């Protein structure tokens, strides 16, 4: 049975955690992870892009010049898409980009994304995280002890709950994101280069995937 090391804030191994073999068997469904990522990206799009067609642009009601005899090309309106200040041909209009995947598919995508990170040894199980204050320096010192290059690599910290100290301490670290275990999804997993998971959050995550 595959296991992961559990470390403390000092970076020292204190125990092992056994992985559920049915969930973490190393298999990765890449097409499904890709579909899930597209869904999460699409669902945060505002869809508010808007352009005006020739009928919506103010003015242009009068024919610029007569049809024949001028030597110029025929023109019916100064708001034609061919003219400067005219309408836009086939421009974007407000639309809903919402997409949906079945719950089972989203769970499978999350499982696959986690398997991929485990295969790459990019998941670290942390026993617990305790901050003395809300200052960023204290949080950064803990990450340094864990030998995490949080200045160059995107780090995702997964915990049971985000308290005020942790929220404020992580705000100034641009490449560090903090999430509750119940909010994690396949897209956030593949977006991170390294994932640091609190032990209790990982256990709860396993339960969520087996439901």
Protein backbone atom coordinates (compact mmCIF):
# COMPACT_ATOMS: atom_id res chain seq x y z
CA UNK A 1 0.00 0.00 0.00
CA UNK A 2 1.38 3.38 -0.99
CA UNK A 3 2.07 5.89 1.77
CA UNK A 4 3.02 9.55 2.05
CA UNK A 5 5.25 11.10 4.68
CA UNK A 6 3.64 13.39 7.23
CA UNK A 7 5.92 16.25 8.32
CA UNK A 8 5.67 18.95 10.95
CA UNK A 9 6.29 22.69 10.60
CA UNK A 10 10.00 22.12 11.15
CA UNK A 11 10.17 19.90 8.07
CA UNK A 12 10.77 16.71 10.04
CA UNK A 13 8.96 13.46 9.31
CA UNK A 14 6.72 12.40 12.20
CA UNK A 15 4.60 9.61 10.66
CA UNK A 16 3.13 8.08 7.50
CA UNK A 17 -0.34 8.27 6.01
CA UNK A 18 -1.72 5.34 4.03
CA UNK A 19 -3.38 6.17 0.73
CA UNK A 20 -6.70 4.66 -0.29
CA UNK A 21 -5.61 2.27 -3.04
CA UNK A 22 -8.94 2.53 -4.85
CA UNK A 23 -8.56 6.29 -5.17
CA UNK A 24 -4.83 6.78 -5.53
CA UNK A 25 -3.77 4.00 -7.86
CA UNK A 26 -1.66 6.31 -10.04
CA UNK A 27 -4.08 6.42 -12.99
CA UNK A 28 -4.75 9.80 -14.60
CA UNK A 29 -7.65 10.57 -16.96
CA UNK A 30 -6.08 13.51 -18.81
CA UNK A 31 -9.00 14.25 -21.18
CA UNK A 32 -11.42 14.47 -18.24
CA UNK A 33 -9.06 16.75 -16.28
CA UNK A 34 -8.86 18.96 -19.37
CA UNK A 35 -12.66 19.10 -19.66
CA UNK A 36 -13.00 20.00 -15.99
CA UNK A 37 -10.38 22.75 -16.30
CA UNK A 38 -12.21 24.22 -19.30
CA UNK A 39 -15.47 24.17 -17.32
CA UNK A 40 -14.01 25.98 -14.31
CA UNK A 41 -12.37 28.58 -16.56
CA UNK A 42 -15.55 29.14 -18.57
CA UNK A 43 -17.69 29.54 -15.46
CA UNK A 44 -15.70 32.54 -14.21
CA UNK A 45 -16.01 34.42 -17.52
CA UNK A 46 -18.22 37.50 -17.32
CA UNK A 47 -19.41 37.19 -20.92
CA UNK A 48 -19.95 40.95 -21.02
CA UNK A 49 -18.09 41.79 -24.26
CA UNK A 50 -20.37 43.86 -26.47
CA UNK A 51 -20.12 45.60 -29.83
CA UNK A 52 -22.63 47.57 -31.90
CA UNK A 53 -23.86 46.46 -35.29
CA UNK A 54 -24.57 49.08 -37.97
CA UNK A 55 -28.21 49.34 -36.89
CA UNK A 56 -27.19 50.18 -33.31
CA UNK A 57 -24.65 52.94 -34.07
CA UNK A 58 -26.03 56.47 -33.67
CA UNK A 59 -26.46 58.44 -36.92
CA UNK A 60 -26.10 57.36 -40.53
CA UNK A 61 -29.78 57.71 -41.43
CA UNK A 62 -29.15 59.82 -44.51
CA UNK A 63 -27.57 58.50 -47.69
CA UNK A 64 -24.11 60.14 -47.94
CA UNK A 65 -24.42 60.89 -51.65
CA UNK A 66 -26.60 59.96 -54.58
CA UNK A 67 -26.39 56.47 -56.00
CA UNK A 68 -25.04 57.31 -59.45
CA UNK A 69 -23.05 59.97 -61.21
CA UNK A 70 -20.45 60.85 -58.57
CA UNK A 71 -17.74 58.42 -59.64
CA UNK A 72 -17.55 57.10 -56.13
CA UNK A 73 -18.59 53.71 -54.81
CA UNK A 74 -22.22 53.26 -53.74
CA UNK A 75 -22.87 54.06 -50.08
CA UNK A 76 -26.08 53.88 -48.11
CA UNK A 77 -24.91 54.90 -44.64
CA UNK A 78 -21.87 56.39 -42.93
CA UNK A 79 -22.36 53.76 -40.22
CA UNK A 80 -21.55 50.87 -42.55
CA UNK A 81 -18.90 48.47 -41.14
CA UNK A 82 -16.68 49.58 -44.04
CA UNK A 83 -16.56 53.13 -42.68
CA UNK A 84 -14.61 54.53 -39.75
CA UNK A 85 -17.03 54.95 -36.85
CA UNK A 86 -19.37 52.39 -38.34
CA UNK A 87 -20.77 49.21 -36.85
CA UNK A 88 -18.88 45.96 -36.26
CA UNK A 89 -19.48 42.89 -38.40
CA UNK A 90 -20.08 39.72 -36.40
CA UNK A 91 -18.73 41.33 -33.21
CA UNK A 92 -19.15 39.77 -29.75
CA UNK A 93 -22.41 40.12 -27.85
CA UNK A 94 -23.12 39.42 -24.16
CA UNK A 95 -23.45 35.68 -23.63
CA UNK A 96 -23.38 33.03 -20.93
CA UNK A 97 -20.32 30.77 -20.99
CA UNK A 98 -21.63 28.49 -18.23
CA UNK A 99 -20.71 24.82 -18.62
CA UNK A 100 -21.55 21.83 -16.48
CA UNK A 101 -20.12 18.37 -15.85
CA UNK A 102 -21.74 15.61 -13.77
CA UNK A 103 -20.67 15.39 -10.11
CA UNK A 104 -19.09 11.99 -10.67
CA UNK A 105 -17.03 13.37 -13.54
CA UNK A 106 -15.79 16.28 -11.39
CA UNK A 107 -14.80 13.87 -8.61
CA UNK A 108 -12.95 11.67 -11.10
CA UNK A 109 -11.18 14.74 -12.52
CA UNK A 110 -10.09 15.79 -9.02
CA UNK A 111 -8.92 12.26 -8.23
CA UNK A 112 -6.92 12.15 -11.48
CA UNK A 113 -5.36 15.57 -10.84
CA UNK A 114 -4.29 14.49 -7.34
CA UNK A 115 -2.89 11.21 -8.71
CA UNK A 116 -0.83 13.18 -11.19
CA UNK A 117 0.67 15.31 -8.41
CA UNK A 118 1.36 12.24 -6.26
CA UNK A 119 3.10 10.56 -9.21
CA UNK A 120 5.34 13.64 -9.50
CA UNK A 121 5.97 13.77 -5.71
CA UNK A 122 4.43 17.23 -5.62
CA UNK A 123 2.09 16.64 -2.66
CA UNK A 124 3.32 17.25 0.89
CA UNK A 125 1.26 16.25 3.93
CA UNK A 126 1.62 18.67 6.84
CA UNK A 127 0.61 17.58 10.34
CA UNK A 128 -0.73 21.02 11.30
CA UNK A 129 0.02 24.68 10.77
CA UNK A 130 0.12 27.10 13.66
CA UNK A 131 1.06 30.76 13.29
CA UNK A 132 2.17 32.94 16.19
CA UNK A 133 0.90 36.08 14.46
CA UNK A 134 -0.62 37.37 11.23
CA UNK A 135 2.76 38.58 9.91
CA UNK A 136 3.92 37.25 6.53
CA UNK A 137 7.48 36.70 7.78
CA UNK A 138 6.41 34.00 10.24
CA UNK A 139 4.46 32.14 7.54
CA UNK A 140 7.33 32.51 5.06
CA UNK A 141 9.77 31.10 7.62
CA UNK A 142 7.64 27.95 7.95
CA UNK A 143 7.62 27.50 4.16
CA UNK A 144 11.39 27.94 4.06
CA UNK A 145 11.84 25.22 6.71
CA UNK A 146 9.77 22.95 4.47
CA UNK A 147 12.22 23.79 1.63
CA UNK A 148 9.49 25.24 -0.58
CA UNK A 149 10.54 27.75 -3.24
CA UNK A 150 7.37 29.85 -2.94
CA UNK A 151 8.95 32.84 -4.75
CA UNK A 152 9.28 30.92 -8.03
CA UNK A 153 6.76 28.06 -7.86
CA UNK A 154 3.01 28.26 -7.37
CA UNK A 155 2.12 26.75 -4.01
CA UNK A 156 -1.34 25.64 -2.92
CA UNK A 157 -1.93 25.24 0.82
CA UNK A 158 -5.03 23.16 1.65
CA UNK A 159 -6.39 23.38 5.18
CA UNK A 160 -9.60 22.52 7.05
CA UNK A 161 -10.42 26.15 7.73
CA UNK A 162 -8.75 29.47 6.96
CA UNK A 163 -8.39 31.60 10.08
CA UNK A 164 -7.67 35.33 10.11
CA UNK A 165 -3.96 34.88 10.92
CA UNK A 166 -3.38 32.52 8.00
CA UNK A 167 -5.42 34.69 5.63
CA UNK A 168 -3.45 37.85 6.40
CA UNK A 169 -0.07 36.09 6.54
CA UNK A 170 -0.50 34.57 3.06
CA UNK A 171 -1.96 37.64 1.33
CA UNK A 172 1.42 39.17 0.50
CA UNK A 173 2.85 36.01 -1.06
CA UNK A 174 1.83 36.27 -4.71
CA UNK A 175 2.49 32.65 -5.65
CA UNK A 176 0.88 31.13 -2.55
CA UNK A 177 -2.85 30.31 -2.50
CA UNK A 178 -4.73 29.06 0.56
CA UNK A 179 -7.88 26.97 0.15
CA UNK A 180 -10.20 24.99 2.36
CA UNK A 181 -10.31 21.28 1.57
CA UNK A 182 -14.00 21.50 0.67
CA UNK A 183 -13.23 24.13 -2.01
CA UNK A 184 -10.46 22.29 -3.84
CA UNK A 185 -11.08 21.18 -7.43
CA UNK A 186 -9.16 19.70 -10.35
CA UNK A 187 -8.36 23.09 -11.88
CA UNK A 188 -6.82 24.47 -8.68
CA UNK A 189 -4.76 21.28 -8.34
CA UNK A 190 -3.25 21.43 -11.83
CA UNK A 191 -2.69 25.18 -11.49
CA UNK A 192 -0.34 24.63 -8.53
CA UNK A 193 3.17 23.30 -8.92
CA UNK A 194 3.35 22.04 -5.32
CA UNK A 195 0.49 21.21 -2.95
CA UNK A 196 0.84 21.36 0.83
CA UNK A 197 -2.11 19.63 2.51
CA UNK A 198 -2.96 19.55 6.20
CA UNK A 199 -3.35 15.93 7.33
CA UNK A 200 -6.96 16.29 8.50
CA UNK A 201 -7.84 18.10 5.27
CA UNK A 202 -6.37 15.22 3.25
CA UNK A 203 -8.38 12.65 5.23
CA UNK A 204 -11.57 14.67 4.67
CA UNK A 205 -10.69 14.95 0.98
CA UNK A 206 -10.45 11.15 0.72
CA UNK A 207 -13.88 10.83 2.35
CA UNK A 208 -15.30 13.35 -0.12
CA UNK A 209 -13.95 11.39 -3.08
CA UNK A 210 -15.38 8.07 -1.83
CA UNK A 211 -18.94 9.35 -1.36
